Amino acid sequence: MERYSRFEATALILLRTLIGWHFLYEGYYKLMLPGWTRAGAPLSGWSAGGYLKAATGPFAGFFHSLGNGALPWVDTLVPILLVLVGLSLILGLLTQLGCWGALGFLTLFYITQIPTAGLPQPGNEGTYLFVNKNLIEWAAVLALLAFRTGRIAGLDLLWARRASTAPVARPAVASSGALD
């Protein structure tokens, strides 16, 4: 197993926890909609179809066609999976699987809206050309996957330690009956 300095291990676990929180809260927020504005008006609910219809970039036509036929269960499945990915990363439970789930989501989020304009866009707080927050978070999750952060801290580590210290059961020896 690799040895990391306390600073390296802490930085990797902090990164994993923050990314996990991002996924957890995004899923939680989508599940709790409709929310309410400060004025007391309901916010509109999140929908996969609406998200896909807002797609831009080179694959927009493909995503627009999916948005028209988005199944209602996808609107519940996506937030639940976001919550599960977030919990996986925060708790360090099935971390590699959580990282793969995060990479899948971030890939989909990126390709639905690849920033190709290089100009300020409505709803974005920055100006992006090809590289945006989704792509940067994707690279960070890839690093978490490569460094196998579940081996550094979290429930995966506790699970592995428990499995390695569990007593090994001795196989039963068959009796020949001669001494019985």
C-alpha atoms as a PDB file:
ATOM      1  CA  MET A   1       0.000   0.000   0.000  1.00  0.00           C
ATOM      2  CA  GLU A   2       1.181   3.503  -0.805  1.00  0.00           C
ATOM      3  CA  ARG A   3       2.366   5.763   2.003  1.00  0.00           C
ATOM      4  CA  TYR A   4       1.284   9.364   1.946  1.00  0.00           C
ATOM      5  CA  SER A   5       2.378  12.156   4.223  1.00  0.00           C
ATOM      6  CA  ARG A   6      -0.270  13.414   6.634  1.00  0.00           C
ATOM      7  CA  PHE A   7      -0.617  16.552   4.463  1.00  0.00           C
ATOM      8  CA  GLU A   8      -1.075  14.538   1.240  1.00  0.00           C
ATOM      9  CA  ALA A   9      -3.614  12.190   2.819  1.00  0.00           C
ATOM     10  CA  THR A  10      -5.530  15.083   4.393  1.00  0.00           C
ATOM     11  CA  ALA A  11      -5.609  17.000   1.104  1.00  0.00           C
ATOM     12  CA  LEU A  12      -6.942  13.985  -0.806  1.00  0.00           C
ATOM     13  CA  ILE A  13      -9.609  13.213   1.796  1.00  0.00           C
ATOM     14  CA  LEU A  14     -10.618  16.882   1.979  1.00  0.00           C
ATOM     15  CA  LEU A  15     -10.984  16.961  -1.812  1.00  0.00           C
ATOM     16  CA  ARG A  16     -13.043  13.748  -1.761  1.00  0.00           C
ATOM     17  CA  THR A  17     -15.275  15.083   1.021  1.00  0.00           C
ATOM     18  CA  LEU A  18     -15.917  18.422  -0.708  1.00  0.00           C
ATOM     19  CA  ILE A  19     -16.745  16.759  -4.014  1.00  0.00           C
ATOM     20  CA  GLY A  20     -18.968  14.316  -2.149  1.00  0.00           C
ATOM     21  CA  TRP A  21     -20.777  17.213  -0.459  1.00  0.00           C
ATOM     22  CA  HIS A  22     -21.311  18.842  -3.861  1.00  0.00           C
ATOM     23  CA  PHE A  23     -22.959  15.680  -5.233  1.00  0.00           C
ATOM     24  CA  LEU A  24     -24.953  15.038  -2.054  1.00  0.00           C
ATOM     25  CA  TYR A  25     -26.363  18.547  -1.905  1.00  0.00           C
ATOM     26  CA  GLU A  26     -27.165  18.683  -5.632  1.00  0.00           C
ATOM     27  CA  GLY A  27     -29.159  15.462  -5.313  1.00  0.00           C
ATOM     28  CA  TYR A  28     -30.831  16.533  -2.062  1.00  0.00           C
ATOM     29  CA  TYR A  29     -31.836  19.893  -3.532  1.00  0.00           C
ATOM     30  CA  LYS A  30     -33.341  18.265  -6.622  1.00  0.00           C
ATOM     31  CA  LEU A  31     -35.297  15.823  -4.450  1.00  0.00           C
ATOM     32  CA  MET A  32     -36.654  18.621  -2.244  1.00  0.00           C
ATOM     33  CA  LEU A  33     -37.933  20.804  -5.090  1.00  0.00           C
ATOM     34  CA  PRO A  34     -40.169  22.590  -5.418  1.00  0.00           C
ATOM     35  CA  GLY A  35     -38.545  24.960  -2.997  1.00  0.00           C
ATOM     36  CA  TRP A  36     -39.669  28.457  -2.159  1.00  0.00           C
ATOM     37  CA  THR A  37     -38.329  31.890  -3.013  1.00  0.00           C
ATOM     38  CA  ARG A  38     -37.837  34.558  -0.339  1.00  0.00           C
ATOM     39  CA  ALA A  39     -41.082  36.113  -1.558  1.00  0.00           C
ATOM     40  CA  GLY A  40     -42.963  32.865  -0.801  1.00  0.00           C
ATOM     41  CA  ALA A  41     -43.458  31.749  -4.396  1.00  0.00           C
ATOM     42  CA  PRO A  42     -42.752  28.106  -5.300  1.00  0.00           C
ATOM     43  CA  LEU A  43     -39.685  27.378  -7.388  1.00  0.00           C
ATOM     44  CA  SER A  44     -40.176  25.118 -10.371  1.00  0.00           C
ATOM     45  CA  GLY A  45     -39.109  21.500  -9.999  1.00  0.00           C
ATOM     46  CA  TRP A  46     -36.050  20.009 -11.633  1.00  0.00           C
ATOM     47  CA  SER A  47     -36.543  17.696 -14.595  1.00  0.00           C
ATOM     48  CA  ALA A  48     -34.150  15.697 -16.709  1.00  0.00           C
ATOM     49  CA  GLY A  49     -36.177  16.583 -19.806  1.00  0.00           C
ATOM     50  CA  GLY A  50     -35.857  20.295 -19.063  1.00  0.00           C
ATOM     51  CA  TYR A  51     -32.122  19.938 -18.490  1.00  0.00           C
ATOM     52  CA  LEU A  52     -31.648  18.058 -21.764  1.00  0.00           C
ATOM     53  CA  LYS A  53     -33.741  20.600 -23.692  1.00  0.00           C
ATOM     54  CA  ALA A  54     -31.381  23.326 -22.441  1.00  0.00           C
ATOM     55  CA  ALA A  55     -28.330  21.472 -23.809  1.00  0.00           C
ATOM     56  CA  THR A  56     -25.957  23.456 -26.027  1.00  0.00           C
ATOM     57  CA  GLY A  57     -22.853  22.631 -27.995  1.00  0.00           C
ATOM     58  CA  PRO A  58     -22.082  20.015 -30.616  1.00  0.00           C
ATOM     59  CA  PHE A  59     -24.321  17.294 -29.110  1.00  0.00           C
ATOM     60  CA  ALA A  60     -27.323  19.545 -28.419  1.00  0.00           C
ATOM     61  CA  GLY A  61     -29.533  18.021 -31.136  1.00  0.00           C
ATOM     62  CA  PHE A  62     -29.056  14.550 -29.693  1.00  0.00           C
ATOM     63  CA  PHE A  63     -29.846  15.714 -26.145  1.00  0.00           C
ATOM     64  CA  HIS A  64     -32.849  17.745 -27.306  1.00  0.00           C
ATOM     65  CA  SER A  65     -34.357  14.617 -28.855  1.00  0.00           C
ATOM     66  CA  LEU A  66     -33.820  12.723 -25.573  1.00  0.00           C
ATOM     67  CA  GLY A  67     -35.411  15.562 -23.608  1.00  0.00           C
ATOM     68  CA  ASN A  68     -38.704  15.148 -25.444  1.00  0.00           C
ATOM     69  CA  GLY A  69     -39.066  11.543 -24.359  1.00  0.00           C
ATOM     70  CA  ALA A  70     -37.428  11.674 -20.920  1.00  0.00           C
ATOM     71  CA  LEU A  71     -39.076   9.156 -18.675  1.00  0.00           C
ATOM     72  CA  PRO A  72     -40.561  10.439 -15.404  1.00  0.00           C
ATOM     73  CA  TRP A  73     -38.561   7.930 -13.324  1.00  0.00           C
ATOM     74  CA  VAL A  74     -35.319   9.553 -14.521  1.00  0.00           C
ATOM     75  CA  ASP A  75     -36.341  12.706 -12.640  1.00  0.00           C
ATOM     76  CA  THR A  76     -36.291  10.689  -9.397  1.00  0.00           C
ATOM     77  CA  LEU A  77     -33.406   8.370 -10.261  1.00  0.00           C
ATOM     78  CA  VAL A  78     -30.871  11.105 -11.055  1.00  0.00           C
ATOM     79  CA  PRO A  79     -31.196  12.926  -7.696  1.00  0.00           C
ATOM     80  CA  ILE A  80     -31.108   9.633  -5.774  1.00  0.00           C
ATOM     81  CA  LEU A  81     -27.952   8.574  -7.607  1.00  0.00           C
ATOM     82  CA  LEU A  82     -26.400  11.996  -6.944  1.00  0.00           C
ATOM     83  CA  VAL A  83     -27.101  11.529  -3.225  1.00  0.00           C
ATOM     84  CA  LEU A  84     -25.618   8.014  -3.277  1.00  0.00           C
ATOM     85  CA  VAL A  85     -22.461   9.183  -5.068  1.00  0.00           C
ATOM     86  CA  GLY A  86     -22.140  12.012  -2.558  1.00  0.00           C
ATOM     87  CA  LEU A  87     -22.547   9.703   0.435  1.00  0.00           C
ATOM     88  CA  SER A  88     -20.055   7.253  -1.057  1.00  0.00           C
ATOM     89  CA  LEU A  89     -17.406   9.950  -1.369  1.00  0.00           C
ATOM     90  CA  ILE A  90     -18.083  11.599   1.991  1.00  0.00           C
ATOM     91  CA  LEU A  91     -18.130   8.341   3.940  1.00  0.00           C
ATOM     92  CA  GLY A  92     -15.396   6.637   1.939  1.00  0.00           C
ATOM     93  CA  LEU A  93     -17.757   3.720   1.324  1.00  0.00           C
ATOM     94  CA  LEU A  94     -17.388   1.903  -2.000  1.00  0.00           C
ATOM     95  CA  THR A  95     -15.207   4.849  -2.942  1.00  0.00           C
ATOM     96  CA  GLN A  96     -14.042   3.528  -6.296  1.00  0.00           C
ATOM     97  CA  LEU A  97     -17.634   2.922  -7.362  1.00  0.00           C
ATOM     98  CA  GLY A  98     -18.586   6.401  -6.116  1.00  0.00           C
ATOM     99  CA  CYS A  99     -15.753   7.908  -8.157  1.00  0.00           C
ATOM    100  CA  TRP A 100     -16.906   6.075 -11.291  1.00  0.00           C
ATOM    101  CA  GLY A 101     -20.453   7.329 -10.691  1.00  0.00           C
ATOM    102  CA  ALA A 102     -19.176  10.880 -10.270  1.00  0.00           C
ATOM    103  CA  LEU A 103     -17.141  10.613 -13.468  1.00  0.00           C
ATOM    104  CA  GLY A 104     -20.206   9.364 -15.333  1.00  0.00           C
ATOM    105  CA  PHE A 105     -22.375  12.222 -14.116  1.00  0.00           C
ATOM    106  CA  LEU A 106     -19.716  14.859 -14.753  1.00  0.00           C
ATOM    107  CA  THR A 107     -19.113  13.502 -18.261  1.00  0.00           C
ATOM    108  CA  LEU A 108     -22.828  13.786 -19.029  1.00  0.00           C
ATOM    109  CA  PHE A 109     -23.057  17.261 -17.489  1.00  0.00           C
ATOM    110  CA  TYR A 110     -20.039  18.414 -19.482  1.00  0.00           C
ATOM    111  CA  ILE A 111     -21.060  17.051 -22.872  1.00  0.00           C
ATOM    112  CA  THR A 112     -24.596  18.443 -22.567  1.00  0.00           C
ATOM    113  CA  GLN A 113     -23.177  21.957 -22.317  1.00  0.00           C
ATOM    114  CA  ILE A 114     -19.622  22.091 -23.652  1.00  0.00           C
ATOM    115  CA  PRO A 115     -18.508  25.722 -23.373  1.00  0.00           C
ATOM    116  CA  THR A 116     -17.600  26.643 -26.935  1.00  0.00           C
ATOM    117  CA  ALA A 117     -18.573  30.333 -27.047  1.00  0.00           C
ATOM    118  CA  GLY A 118     -15.748  31.780 -24.962  1.00  0.00           C
ATOM    119  CA  LEU A 119     -18.104  34.620 -24.021  1.00  0.00           C
ATOM    120  CA  PRO A 120     -20.119  35.356 -20.893  1.00  0.00           C
ATOM    121  CA  GLN A 121     -23.228  33.163 -20.811  1.00  0.00           C
ATOM    122  CA  PRO A 122     -26.440  33.754 -18.867  1.00  0.00           C
ATOM    123  CA  GLY A 123     -26.449  31.742 -15.650  1.00  0.00           C
ATOM    124  CA  ASN A 124     -22.647  31.344 -15.532  1.00  0.00           C
ATOM    125  CA  GLU A 125     -20.573  33.372 -13.132  1.00  0.00           C
ATOM    126  CA  GLY A 126     -17.511  33.094 -15.348  1.00  0.00           C
ATOM    127  CA  THR A 127     -16.456  33.040 -18.954  1.00  0.00           C
ATOM    128  CA  TYR A 128     -15.466  29.599 -20.197  1.00  0.00           C
ATOM    129  CA  LEU A 129     -13.908  28.210 -23.336  1.00  0.00           C
ATOM    130  CA  PHE A 130     -13.765  24.380 -23.300  1.00  0.00           C
ATOM    131  CA  VAL A 131     -12.695  24.192 -19.633  1.00  0.00           C
ATOM    132  CA  ASN A 132     -15.409  24.756 -17.034  1.00  0.00           C
ATOM    133  CA  LYS A 133     -16.150  23.697 -13.457  1.00  0.00           C
ATOM    134  CA  ASN A 134     -17.508  20.314 -14.544  1.00  0.00           C
ATOM    135  CA  LEU A 135     -14.338  19.445 -16.412  1.00  0.00           C
ATOM    136  CA  ILE A 136     -12.137  20.575 -13.516  1.00  0.00           C
ATOM    137  CA  GLU A 137     -14.199  18.553 -11.032  1.00  0.00           C
ATOM    138  CA  TRP A 138     -13.992  15.590 -13.448  1.00  0.00           C
ATOM    139  CA  ALA A 139     -10.175  15.781 -13.343  1.00  0.00           C
ATOM    140  CA  ALA A 140     -10.239  16.025  -9.529  1.00  0.00           C
ATOM    141  CA  VAL A 141     -12.444  12.909  -9.289  1.00  0.00           C
ATOM    142  CA  LEU A 142     -10.078  11.120 -11.671  1.00  0.00           C
ATOM    143  CA  ALA A 143      -7.244  11.904  -9.232  1.00  0.00           C
ATOM    144  CA  LEU A 144      -9.327  10.533  -6.340  1.00  0.00           C
ATOM    145  CA  LEU A 145      -9.936   7.381  -8.347  1.00  0.00           C
ATOM    146  CA  ALA A 146      -6.229   7.023  -9.210  1.00  0.00           C
ATOM    147  CA  PHE A 147      -5.080   7.531  -5.602  1.00  0.00           C
ATOM    148  CA  ARG A 148      -7.714   5.089  -4.279  1.00  0.00           C
ATOM    149  CA  THR A 149      -8.661   7.393  -1.430  1.00  0.00           C
ATOM    150  CA  GLY A 150     -10.826   4.712   0.166  1.00  0.00           C
ATOM    151  CA  ARG A 151      -7.548   3.071   1.245  1.00  0.00           C
ATOM    152  CA  ILE A 152      -6.478   6.275   3.011  1.00  0.00           C
ATOM    153  CA  ALA A 153      -9.540   6.997   5.161  1.00  0.00           C
ATOM    154  CA  GLY A 154     -13.195   6.107   5.373  1.00  0.00           C
ATOM    155  CA  LEU A 155     -15.423   3.088   5.761  1.00  0.00           C
ATOM    156  CA  ASP A 156     -13.586   1.222   2.984  1.00  0.00           C
ATOM    157  CA  LEU A 157     -10.414   1.346   5.101  1.00  0.00           C
ATOM    158  CA  LEU A 158     -12.247   0.187   8.228  1.00  0.00           C
ATOM    159  CA  TRP A 159     -13.890  -2.598   6.246  1.00  0.00           C
ATOM    160  CA  ALA A 160     -10.527  -3.724   4.822  1.00  0.00           C
ATOM    161  CA  ARG A 161      -8.884  -3.655   8.268  1.00  0.00           C
ATOM    162  CA  ARG A 162     -11.707  -5.642   9.799  1.00  0.00           C
ATOM    163  CA  ALA A 163     -11.539  -8.214   7.019  1.00  0.00           C
ATOM    164  CA  SER A 164      -7.763  -8.588   7.432  1.00  0.00           C
ATOM    165  CA  THR A 165      -7.980  -9.071  11.227  1.00  0.00           C
ATOM    166  CA  ALA A 166     -10.969 -11.413  11.200  1.00  0.00           C
ATOM    167  CA  PRO A 167     -10.048 -14.846  12.552  1.00  0.00           C
ATOM    168  CA  VAL A 168      -9.697 -17.446   9.873  1.00  0.00           C
ATOM    169  CA  ALA A 169     -11.940 -20.425  10.466  1.00  0.00           C
ATOM    170  CA  ARG A 170     -10.079 -23.709  10.428  1.00  0.00           C
ATOM    171  CA  PRO A 171     -11.603 -26.312   8.176  1.00  0.00           C
ATOM    172  CA  ALA A 172     -13.205 -29.194   9.968  1.00  0.00           C
ATOM    173  CA  VAL A 173     -11.198 -32.392   9.857  1.00  0.00           C
ATOM    174  CA  ALA A 174     -13.196 -35.385   8.778  1.00  0.00           C
ATOM    175  CA  SER A 175     -13.075 -38.217  11.247  1.00  0.00           C
ATOM    176  CA  SER A 176     -12.278 -41.667   9.988  1.00  0.00           C
ATOM    177  CA  GLY A 177     -14.257 -43.201  12.813  1.00  0.00           C
ATOM    178  CA  ALA A 178     -11.339 -45.376  13.950  1.00  0.00           C
ATOM    179  CA  LEU A 179     -10.715 -43.384  17.140  1.00  0.00           C
ATOM    180  CA  ASP A 180     -14.314 -42.471  17.930  1.00  0.00           C
END
